[in-house]
Amino acid sequence: MKKSDIGIYGLGVMGRNLALNFNDHNFQVSVYNLDLPGEENLVDAFLSGPAAETNIQGFQEAESFIQSLDRPRKVLLMVKAGAPVDSVINQLTPLLDAGDIIIDGGNTHYADTNRRMAAAAEHGIQYVGMGVSGGEKGARYGPSLMPGGDANAWAVVQPMLEAAAAKNEDGNPCCSWMGNEGAGHFVKMVHNGIEYAIMQLLAECYQIMSEGLALTNSEMADTFHAWNNDLLESYLLDITAKIFTVGDEENPKELVLDNILDKAGQKGTGRWTALTALELGIPLPMITEAVYARTISSFKDLREEASKAIKNEGAVADPKLKLEQLQQALLAGSLVAFAEGFWLLKAANQEFGWNISFQEVAETWQGGCIIRSALLHPIADAFCENGKLPHLFMAPVFQKILASGQQDWRSAVAFGVQSGIPVPAMAAALSHYDGLRTGRLPANLIQAQRDFFGAHQYERVDQPRGKMFHTQWEE
């Protein structure tokens, strides 16, 4: 029996589709799944189903699964993040040899990857934490891959990962080495934070069009479809337009969308992004508000009760908002979402010494992933032109975009506020923009207050930075 190039542990949707993807690219694949008593045997079901006409080999025991792999063995874990990953690693470590490679392809917290890489190194095992984006279709036909970890492993796994990854418009694989330790999973975490922000922004546009402008589902479908071009062209906008065209099988005259409970789920990556930003001292108001918006949506019963007790007394904005103005707000807000994400990546790069290439991150996200967008092309160009760019707002191309659409953006936020329609992400994006472009903020008052009640001292505008002063504010 021919030894396999890679083994995949975990046959959920993503694991199955990645196995088929690698097989399509002429890599020999072994698969294994730990089935609990009473559960379906996923290996048998996979081999007799989607993998029936392939060369994929399936195994019922971990020992034979590992023995089927060519050295250095490469094992891709596609299991639920958290304790299950530790359990699998503990199971496999005694079966592996020095030089073998474990790749964690789940949505793992980067700190866990740091810990696991250090533990694996004690056994001579090379550890890779890899972000995977693209959903089940991406896994099958080409995801965006964000590997990081033990740099010695990259040369070994690079040919396989690049072959299976999506390709951008230039034909380059959407797969780049992100850096040491948990850099790959950190980049995927930030990807998901940006995803949260843009999804929330699109949802706010939907509510403004539906409740504020009284557009029909058909009109909203046409609007989102028309917007999906030029710099706004993106996967998320494309699927949003399509969602408004899918009828409900249970109620043929209605859309599925209209019968979905307004309660958004989340798996934690957006929250991790916001918490990490706080720890690193980087403001991500838009991403954080998007996380909060999902959280407040989960309080469905409370919202229903409050909606009956607390009436909207706000006057509808006059004159009505134009769709072109809302479109500009969507473009500006999308840019802010990316700007926040890259600002956090820059801070992490400096804090952890990962040497992430922001240009390569933007290029890796150009295909396969959920946040793929035309905006990523000028973002990559901006970092190519200036690798030390402190913030995307400072790139001339984006200064021009934000300035030209600024008034429309303000009008859209004002319309939402005056209409009583919540626009947390859109408004937070605008506040981020205004806060960063304001040379003098009222923080001098806050510092005076801190010195008043706590003698925390302050710096003066007419003295060298770093020299501290205290005032006796009252007798």
Protein backbone atom coordinates (compact mmCIF):
# COMPACT_ATOMS: atom_id res chain seq x y z
CA MET A 1 0.00 0.00 0.00
CA LYS A 2 1.37 3.41 -1.00
CA LYS A 3 2.20 5.65 1.93
CA SER A 4 0.03 8.78 2.15
CA ASP A 5 1.33 12.33 1.75
CA ILE A 6 -1.03 13.65 4.42
CA GLY A 7 -3.44 12.33 7.01
CA ILE A 8 -6.67 14.08 8.01
CA TYR A 9 -8.00 13.46 11.51
CA GLY A 10 -11.65 14.52 11.70
CA LEU A 11 -14.30 13.88 9.07
CA GLY A 12 -16.73 16.70 9.63
CA VAL A 13 -17.74 18.72 6.59
CA MET A 14 -14.44 20.63 6.45
CA GLY A 15 -12.28 17.53 6.96
CA ARG A 16 -14.11 15.54 4.29
CA ASN A 17 -13.91 18.32 1.75
CA LEU A 18 -10.23 19.02 2.38
CA ALA A 19 -9.50 15.32 1.90
CA LEU A 20 -11.24 15.41 -1.49
CA ASN A 21 -9.42 18.64 -2.33
CA PHE A 22 -5.98 17.14 -1.64
CA ASN A 23 -6.97 14.02 -3.60
CA ASP A 24 -7.92 16.19 -6.59
CA HIS A 25 -4.38 17.57 -6.54
CA ASN A 26 -2.85 14.11 -6.72
CA PHE A 27 -1.83 13.78 -3.08
CA GLN A 28 -2.35 10.44 -1.41
CA VAL A 29 -4.63 10.98 1.59
CA SER A 30 -5.38 8.93 4.70
CA VAL A 31 -8.40 9.71 6.88
CA TYR A 32 -9.44 8.81 10.39
CA ASN A 33 -12.25 9.81 12.72
CA LEU A 34 -12.78 8.96 16.37
CA ASP A 35 -16.42 7.86 16.51
CA LEU A 36 -18.17 7.71 19.83
CA PRO A 37 -20.32 4.64 20.71
CA GLY A 38 -23.63 4.75 18.90
CA GLU A 39 -22.43 7.26 16.30
CA GLU A 40 -22.26 6.67 12.57
CA ASN A 41 -18.93 5.32 11.32
CA LEU A 42 -17.83 8.40 9.38
CA VAL A 43 -14.83 6.73 7.76
CA ASP A 44 -16.96 3.99 6.19
CA ALA A 45 -19.64 6.47 5.18
CA PHE A 46 -17.05 8.73 3.55
CA LEU A 47 -15.27 5.94 1.68
CA SER A 48 -18.52 4.48 0.37
CA GLY A 49 -19.94 7.91 -0.44
CA PRO A 50 -18.05 11.07 -1.59
CA ALA A 51 -14.67 9.31 -1.64
CA ALA A 52 -15.85 6.14 -3.42
CA GLU A 53 -14.10 6.94 -6.70
CA THR A 54 -10.88 8.25 -5.13
CA ASN A 55 -7.61 6.83 -3.83
CA ILE A 56 -8.29 8.06 -0.29
CA GLN A 57 -7.48 5.48 2.37
CA GLY A 58 -9.56 5.19 5.54
CA PHE A 59 -8.61 3.72 8.89
CA GLN A 60 -10.48 2.60 12.00
CA GLU A 61 -7.57 2.87 14.44
CA ALA A 62 -5.20 5.73 15.15
CA GLU A 63 -2.14 3.44 15.06
CA SER A 64 -2.77 2.16 11.54
CA PHE A 65 -3.74 5.67 10.43
CA ILE A 66 -0.38 7.06 11.54
CA GLN A 67 1.55 4.09 10.13
CA SER A 68 -0.01 4.76 6.72
CA LEU A 69 1.74 8.14 6.42
CA ASP A 70 4.98 8.83 4.62
CA ARG A 71 7.76 10.36 6.73
CA PRO A 72 7.94 13.00 7.94
CA ARG A 73 4.32 12.30 8.81
CA LYS A 74 1.92 15.18 8.27
CA VAL A 75 -1.36 15.07 10.21
CA LEU A 76 -4.02 17.73 9.66
CA LEU A 77 -6.42 18.01 12.62
CA MET A 78 -9.94 19.11 11.67
CA VAL A 79 -11.58 18.78 15.08
CA LYS A 80 -13.47 21.20 17.30
CA ALA A 81 -11.23 23.85 18.87
CA GLY A 82 -10.46 23.67 22.57
CA ALA A 83 -10.16 20.55 24.71
CA PRO A 84 -10.79 18.13 21.80
CA VAL A 85 -7.58 19.32 20.13
CA ASP A 86 -5.55 18.66 23.29
CA SER A 87 -7.14 15.22 23.56
CA VAL A 88 -6.22 14.32 19.98
CA ILE A 89 -2.67 15.62 20.39
CA ASN A 90 -2.25 13.50 23.54
CA GLN A 91 -3.52 10.48 21.61
CA LEU A 92 -1.20 11.01 18.63
CA THR A 93 2.02 12.17 20.31
CA PRO A 94 3.14 8.66 21.41
CA LEU A 95 2.55 7.43 17.85
CA LEU A 96 4.63 10.14 16.17
CA ASP A 97 8.39 10.51 15.76
CA ALA A 98 10.72 13.48 15.91
CA GLY A 99 10.33 15.54 12.75
CA ASP A 100 6.68 14.63 12.20
CA ILE A 101 4.24 17.51 11.73
CA ILE A 102 0.88 18.26 13.34
CA ILE A 103 -1.28 20.89 11.62
CA ASP A 104 -4.24 22.28 13.56
CA GLY A 105 -6.75 23.56 10.98
CA GLY A 106 -9.47 24.55 13.46
CA ASN A 107 -10.54 27.95 14.77
CA THR A 108 -8.07 27.78 17.64
CA HIS A 109 -7.15 30.64 19.95
CA TYR A 110 -3.60 31.72 19.14
CA ALA A 111 -2.49 31.39 22.78
CA ASP A 112 -3.44 27.70 22.73
CA THR A 113 -1.34 27.29 19.59
CA ASN A 114 1.63 28.92 21.33
CA ARG A 115 1.27 26.45 24.20
CA ARG A 116 0.83 23.40 22.00
CA MET A 117 3.77 24.29 19.78
CA ALA A 118 6.06 24.51 22.83
CA ALA A 119 4.78 21.17 24.15
CA ALA A 120 5.19 19.46 20.77
CA ALA A 121 8.75 20.75 20.48
CA GLU A 122 9.65 18.82 23.62
CA HIS A 123 8.95 15.63 21.64
CA GLY A 124 10.67 16.89 18.51
CA ILE A 125 7.30 17.27 16.76
CA GLN A 126 6.82 20.27 14.48
CA TYR A 127 3.56 22.13 15.08
CA VAL A 128 1.62 24.30 12.66
CA GLY A 129 -1.45 26.36 13.60
CA MET A 130 -3.35 27.09 10.39
CA GLY A 131 -6.32 29.34 9.85
CA VAL A 132 -8.71 27.99 7.22
CA SER A 133 -11.41 30.17 5.65
CA GLY A 134 -13.93 29.54 2.93
CA GLY A 135 -16.55 27.31 4.47
CA GLU A 136 -17.40 23.89 3.08
CA LYS A 137 -17.23 25.00 -0.55
CA GLY A 138 -13.86 26.64 0.00
CA ALA A 139 -12.50 23.52 1.70
CA ARG A 140 -13.61 21.44 -1.28
CA TYR A 141 -12.42 23.64 -4.12
CA GLY A 142 -9.88 26.05 -2.60
CA PRO A 143 -9.81 27.79 0.77
CA SER A 144 -7.69 30.65 2.01
CA LEU A 145 -4.97 29.15 4.22
CA MET A 146 -3.06 31.00 6.94
CA PRO A 147 -0.38 28.70 8.39
CA GLY A 148 2.04 29.65 11.15
CA GLY A 149 4.08 27.90 13.83
CA ASP A 150 7.31 25.95 13.48
CA ALA A 151 9.05 27.56 10.50
CA ASN A 152 10.95 24.33 9.75
CA ALA A 153 7.68 22.68 8.79
CA TRP A 154 6.80 25.24 6.11
CA ALA A 155 9.09 23.86 3.39
CA VAL A 156 7.58 20.41 3.93
CA VAL A 157 3.90 21.35 3.87
CA GLN A 158 4.08 24.31 1.45
CA PRO A 159 3.61 22.35 -1.82
CA MET A 160 0.50 20.58 -0.56
CA LEU A 161 -1.09 23.64 1.03
CA GLU A 162 -0.46 25.89 -1.94
CA ALA A 163 -1.89 23.28 -4.32
CA ALA A 164 -5.10 22.94 -2.30
CA ALA A 165 -5.54 26.67 -1.65
CA ALA A 166 -7.68 29.05 -3.68
CA LYS A 167 -5.94 31.10 -6.35
CA ASN A 168 -6.28 34.86 -6.68
CA GLU A 169 -6.85 36.72 -9.94
CA ASP A 170 -3.14 36.54 -10.72
CA GLY A 171 -3.13 32.76 -10.26
CA ASN A 172 -1.15 32.91 -7.03
CA PRO A 173 -2.15 30.60 -4.16
CA CYS A 174 -4.09 32.23 -1.32
CA CYS A 175 -1.72 30.70 1.18
CA SER A 176 1.24 32.35 2.90
CA TRP A 177 3.38 31.59 5.92
CA MET A 178 2.22 34.03 8.59
CA GLY A 179 4.97 33.69 11.19
CA ASN A 180 6.08 31.86 14.29
CA GLU A 181 3.93 30.40 17.08
CA GLY A 182 0.23 31.27 16.83
CA ALA A 183 0.59 33.85 14.05
CA GLY A 184 -1.54 31.84 11.61
CA HIS A 185 -4.41 31.43 14.03
CA PHE A 186 -4.09 35.09 15.06
CA VAL A 187 -4.49 36.19 11.43
CA LYS A 188 -7.56 33.93 11.10
CA MET A 189 -8.98 35.41 14.32
CA VAL A 190 -8.60 38.92 12.89
CA HIS A 191 -10.13 37.73 9.61
CA ASN A 192 -13.19 36.65 11.56
CA GLY A 193 -13.34 39.95 13.44
CA ILE A 194 -13.43 41.80 10.12
CA GLU A 195 -16.07 39.34 8.95
CA TYR A 196 -18.24 40.17 11.98
CA ALA A 197 -17.97 43.90 11.24
CA ILE A 198 -18.85 43.70 7.54
CA MET A 199 -21.73 41.30 8.15
CA GLN A 200 -23.16 43.66 10.77
CA LEU A 201 -22.69 46.62 8.42
CA LEU A 202 -24.65 44.82 5.69
CA ALA A 203 -27.36 43.96 8.21
CA GLU A 204 -27.66 47.62 9.16
CA CYS A 205 -27.98 48.60 5.50
CA TYR A 206 -30.75 46.00 5.22
CA GLN A 207 -32.66 47.42 8.18
CA ILE A 208 -32.30 50.99 6.92
CA MET A 209 -33.58 50.00 3.47
CA SER A 210 -36.40 47.87 4.86
CA GLU A 211 -37.68 49.97 7.77
CA GLY A 212 -36.34 53.41 6.94
CA LEU A 213 -36.80 53.50 3.17
CA ALA A 214 -39.63 50.91 2.88
CA LEU A 215 -37.94 48.95 0.10
CA THR A 216 -39.35 45.57 -0.87
CA ASN A 217 -37.30 42.38 -0.77
CA SER A 218 -37.05 42.46 -4.54
CA GLU A 219 -35.82 46.05 -4.49
CA MET A 220 -33.25 45.22 -1.82
CA ALA A 221 -32.03 42.24 -3.85
CA ASP A 222 -31.57 44.49 -6.87
CA THR A 223 -29.81 47.13 -4.77
CA PHE A 224 -27.33 44.77 -3.17
CA HIS A 225 -26.68 43.16 -6.56
CA ALA A 226 -26.07 46.55 -8.20
CA TRP A 227 -23.67 47.55 -5.41
CA ASN A 228 -21.57 44.42 -5.90
CA ASN A 229 -19.04 45.94 -8.26
CA ASP A 230 -15.90 48.07 -8.29
CA LEU A 231 -14.37 48.40 -4.78
CA LEU A 232 -17.50 47.03 -3.09
CA GLU A 233 -17.36 43.73 -4.98
CA SER A 234 -17.11 41.00 -2.35
CA TYR A 235 -18.23 37.53 -1.41
CA LEU A 236 -20.35 38.76 1.50
CA LEU A 237 -22.19 41.31 -0.62
CA ASP A 238 -22.73 38.71 -3.34
CA ILE A 239 -24.33 36.17 -1.00
CA THR A 240 -26.37 38.93 0.66
CA ALA A 241 -27.96 39.80 -2.68
CA LYS A 242 -28.69 36.12 -3.33
CA ILE A 243 -30.31 35.64 0.10
CA PHE A 244 -33.03 38.11 -0.94
CA THR A 245 -34.04 35.85 -3.85
CA VAL A 246 -34.50 32.51 -2.08
CA GLY A 247 -38.09 31.51 -1.41
CA ASP A 248 -39.30 29.59 1.62
CA GLU A 249 -40.39 26.03 0.82
CA GLU A 250 -42.78 26.10 3.79
CA ASN A 251 -44.31 29.41 2.69
CA PRO A 252 -43.81 29.74 -1.08
CA LYS A 253 -44.92 33.37 -1.20
CA GLU A 254 -42.30 34.41 1.36
CA LEU A 255 -38.52 34.51 1.59
CA VAL A 256 -36.59 32.20 3.88
CA LEU A 257 -34.97 35.35 5.28
CA ASP A 258 -38.29 36.70 6.56
CA ASN A 259 -38.86 33.56 8.62
CA ILE A 260 -35.41 33.34 10.23
CA LEU A 261 -35.37 34.32 13.90
CA ASP A 262 -33.41 37.54 14.46
CA LYS A 263 -30.94 35.95 16.85
CA ALA A 264 -27.37 35.74 15.54
CA GLY A 265 -24.99 33.06 16.78
CA GLN A 266 -21.26 33.32 17.35
CA LYS A 267 -18.47 30.87 18.09
CA GLY A 268 -16.07 33.22 19.86
CA THR A 269 -13.53 34.43 17.30
CA GLY A 270 -15.07 37.91 17.11
CA ARG A 271 -15.05 38.16 20.89
CA TRP A 272 -11.41 37.00 20.97
CA THR A 273 -10.55 39.76 18.49
CA ALA A 274 -12.16 42.44 20.65
CA LEU A 275 -10.59 41.13 23.87
CA THR A 276 -7.14 40.84 22.31
CA ALA A 277 -7.42 44.39 21.01
CA LEU A 278 -8.12 45.60 24.55
CA GLU A 279 -5.13 43.65 25.85
CA LEU A 280 -2.84 45.15 23.19
CA GLY A 281 -4.28 48.66 23.57
CA ILE A 282 -5.67 48.94 20.04
CA PRO A 283 -9.15 50.49 19.57
CA LEU A 284 -11.45 48.37 17.41
CA PRO A 285 -14.80 50.11 17.97
CA MET A 286 -16.47 48.81 14.82
CA ILE A 287 -15.49 45.17 15.29
CA THR A 288 -16.35 45.33 18.98
CA GLU A 289 -19.76 46.87 18.30
CA ALA A 290 -20.42 44.11 15.77
CA VAL A 291 -19.74 41.55 18.51
CA TYR A 292 -22.05 43.43 20.88
CA ALA A 293 -24.75 43.57 18.19
CA ARG A 294 -24.77 39.79 17.95
CA THR A 295 -24.89 39.59 21.72
CA ILE A 296 -27.84 41.95 22.04
CA SER A 297 -29.64 40.01 19.31
CA SER A 298 -29.45 36.94 21.55
CA PHE A 299 -31.70 38.65 24.11
CA LYS A 300 -34.72 38.11 21.87
CA ASP A 301 -37.32 37.79 24.64
CA LEU A 302 -36.09 40.92 26.42
CA ARG A 303 -36.09 42.89 23.17
CA GLU A 304 -39.63 41.81 22.37
CA GLU A 305 -40.77 42.91 25.83
CA ALA A 306 -38.87 46.20 25.63
CA SER A 307 -40.23 46.97 22.16
CA LYS A 308 -43.75 47.00 23.64
CA ALA A 309 -42.82 49.12 26.64
CA ILE A 310 -40.36 51.55 25.06
CA LYS A 311 -41.77 53.27 22.00
CA ASN A 312 -39.70 54.88 19.26
CA GLU A 313 -40.38 58.58 19.64
CA GLY A 314 -37.76 59.64 17.10
CA ALA A 315 -38.76 61.54 14.00
CA VAL A 316 -37.94 59.94 10.67
CA ALA A 317 -35.06 61.73 8.97
CA ASP A 318 -36.08 64.28 6.39
CA PRO A 319 -35.33 64.36 3.54
CA LYS A 320 -35.14 60.62 2.88
CA LEU A 321 -31.75 59.05 2.56
CA LYS A 322 -30.63 58.27 -0.98
CA LEU A 323 -29.41 54.76 -1.77
CA GLU A 324 -26.22 56.23 -3.20
CA GLN A 325 -25.48 57.73 0.22
CA LEU A 326 -26.03 54.39 1.93
CA GLN A 327 -23.74 52.78 -0.63
CA GLN A 328 -20.97 55.21 0.28
CA ALA A 329 -21.48 54.42 3.96
CA LEU A 330 -21.11 50.71 3.17
CA LEU A 331 -17.88 51.34 1.28
CA ALA A 332 -16.42 53.55 4.00
CA GLY A 333 -17.48 51.17 6.76
CA SER A 334 -15.99 48.17 4.94
CA LEU A 335 -12.71 50.01 4.65
CA VAL A 336 -12.76 50.83 8.37
CA ALA A 337 -13.34 47.14 9.18
CA PHE A 338 -10.20 46.20 7.25
CA ALA A 339 -8.27 49.12 8.73
CA GLU A 340 -9.11 48.00 12.27
CA GLY A 341 -8.06 44.44 11.52
CA PHE A 342 -4.71 45.39 10.03
CA TRP A 343 -4.04 47.81 12.89
CA LEU A 344 -4.44 44.93 15.34
CA LEU A 345 -2.19 42.73 13.20
CA LYS A 346 0.45 45.45 13.24
CA ALA A 347 0.28 45.68 17.05
CA ALA A 348 0.51 41.90 17.46
CA ASN A 349 3.42 41.77 15.05
CA GLN A 350 5.33 44.22 17.19
CA GLU A 351 4.29 42.65 20.51
CA PHE A 352 5.09 39.04 19.59
CA GLY A 353 7.81 39.48 16.97
CA TRP A 354 6.05 37.39 14.34
CA ASN A 355 7.23 39.25 11.22
CA ILE A 356 3.82 39.03 9.51
CA SER A 357 3.76 40.48 5.99
CA PHE A 358 0.62 42.61 5.77
CA GLN A 359 0.83 42.61 1.99
CA GLU A 360 0.83 38.81 1.98
CA VAL A 361 -2.11 38.73 4.41
CA ALA A 362 -4.12 40.95 2.03
CA GLU A 363 -3.13 38.75 -0.91
CA THR A 364 -3.99 35.57 1.00
CA TRP A 365 -7.48 36.97 1.65
CA GLN A 366 -8.08 37.83 -2.03
CA GLY A 367 -9.50 34.41 -2.83
CA GLY A 368 -11.24 31.53 -1.09
CA CYS A 369 -12.00 33.25 2.21
CA ILE A 370 -15.25 34.75 3.51
CA ILE A 371 -13.99 38.36 3.47
CA ARG A 372 -12.55 38.27 -0.03
CA SER A 373 -13.16 41.68 -1.52
CA ALA A 374 -11.97 44.02 -4.25
CA LEU A 375 -10.77 46.32 -1.46
CA LEU A 376 -7.97 43.85 -0.66
CA HIS A 377 -6.19 44.69 -3.91
CA PRO A 378 -5.51 48.37 -3.08
CA ILE A 379 -4.81 47.30 0.52
CA ALA A 380 -2.09 44.93 -0.69
CA ASP A 381 -0.75 47.69 -2.97
CA ALA A 382 -0.68 50.16 -0.07
CA PHE A 383 1.47 47.84 2.04
CA CYS A 384 3.65 47.05 -0.99
CA GLU A 385 4.32 50.76 -1.47
CA ASN A 386 4.89 51.39 2.24
CA GLY A 387 5.62 48.37 4.40
CA LYS A 388 5.70 50.61 7.49
CA LEU A 389 2.30 52.18 6.85
CA PRO A 390 1.04 52.98 10.39
CA HIS A 391 -2.65 52.78 9.52
CA LEU A 392 -4.67 52.24 6.35
CA PHE A 393 -6.29 55.67 6.80
CA MET A 394 -2.86 57.12 6.05
CA ALA A 395 -2.65 55.58 2.57
CA PRO A 396 -3.42 58.29 -0.04
CA VAL A 397 -5.86 56.09 -1.96
CA PHE A 398 -7.98 55.50 1.13
CA GLN A 399 -7.75 59.10 2.31
CA LYS A 400 -9.35 60.04 -1.00
CA ILE A 401 -12.09 57.37 -0.74
CA LEU A 402 -13.02 58.31 2.82
CA ALA A 403 -12.97 62.05 2.12
CA SER A 404 -15.11 61.82 -1.02
CA GLY A 405 -17.77 59.69 0.68
CA GLN A 406 -17.61 61.30 4.09
CA GLN A 407 -20.75 63.46 3.86
CA ASP A 408 -22.87 60.61 2.51
CA TRP A 409 -21.53 58.38 5.30
CA ARG A 410 -22.56 60.99 7.89
CA SER A 411 -25.99 61.29 6.30
CA ALA A 412 -26.54 57.53 6.52
CA VAL A 413 -25.55 57.41 10.19
CA ALA A 414 -27.74 60.44 10.95
CA PHE A 415 -30.68 58.87 9.14
CA GLY A 416 -30.37 55.73 11.24
CA VAL A 417 -30.09 57.69 14.47
CA GLN A 418 -32.98 60.03 13.67
CA SER A 419 -35.16 57.11 12.59
CA GLY A 420 -34.49 55.09 15.71
CA ILE A 421 -32.78 52.34 13.68
CA PRO A 422 -29.70 50.96 15.47
CA VAL A 423 -26.53 51.41 13.43
CA PRO A 424 -23.81 50.41 15.93
CA ALA A 425 -21.20 49.28 13.40
CA MET A 426 -21.78 52.10 10.93
CA ALA A 427 -21.67 54.75 13.66
CA ALA A 428 -18.67 53.18 15.40
CA ALA A 429 -16.79 53.14 12.09
CA LEU A 430 -17.47 56.85 11.65
CA SER A 431 -16.40 57.59 15.24
CA HIS A 432 -13.18 55.64 14.65
CA TYR A 433 -12.50 57.74 11.57
CA ASP A 434 -13.29 61.01 13.33
CA GLY A 435 -11.34 60.08 16.44
CA LEU A 436 -8.20 59.17 14.52
CA ARG A 437 -8.26 62.28 12.30
CA THR A 438 -8.81 64.67 15.24
CA GLY A 439 -5.56 66.29 16.31
CA ARG A 440 -6.88 67.48 19.66
CA LEU A 441 -9.38 65.34 21.55
CA PRO A 442 -11.08 66.26 24.86
CA ALA A 443 -8.84 63.77 26.67
CA ASN A 444 -7.19 66.73 28.40
CA LEU A 445 -10.40 67.09 30.45
CA ILE A 446 -10.33 63.38 31.33
CA GLN A 447 -6.72 63.67 32.43
CA ALA A 448 -7.59 66.75 34.54
CA GLN A 449 -10.39 64.76 36.17
CA ARG A 450 -8.00 61.89 36.90
CA ASP A 451 -5.51 64.28 38.44
CA PHE A 452 -8.29 65.96 40.47
CA PHE A 453 -9.59 62.81 42.17
CA GLY A 454 -6.51 60.59 42.07
CA ALA A 455 -3.43 62.79 41.63
CA HIS A 456 -2.58 60.80 38.47
CA GLN A 457 -0.67 63.78 37.01
CA TYR A 458 -0.64 65.01 33.43
CA GLU A 459 1.67 66.17 30.66
CA ARG A 460 1.53 69.76 29.35
CA VAL A 461 1.39 70.96 25.74
CA ASP A 462 4.02 73.64 26.52
CA GLN A 463 6.52 71.24 28.14
CA PRO A 464 8.58 68.25 26.90
CA ARG A 465 6.66 64.98 26.55
CA GLY A 466 7.13 62.68 29.52
CA LYS A 467 7.43 65.47 32.10
CA MET A 468 4.58 65.11 34.57
CA PHE A 469 2.64 67.76 36.52
CA HIS A 470 0.06 67.82 39.28
CA THR A 471 -2.39 70.57 40.25
CA GLN A 472 -3.95 71.16 43.66
CA TRP A 473 -7.46 71.58 42.25
CA GLU A 474 -9.19 72.70 45.44
CA GLU A 475 -8.25 73.86 48.89
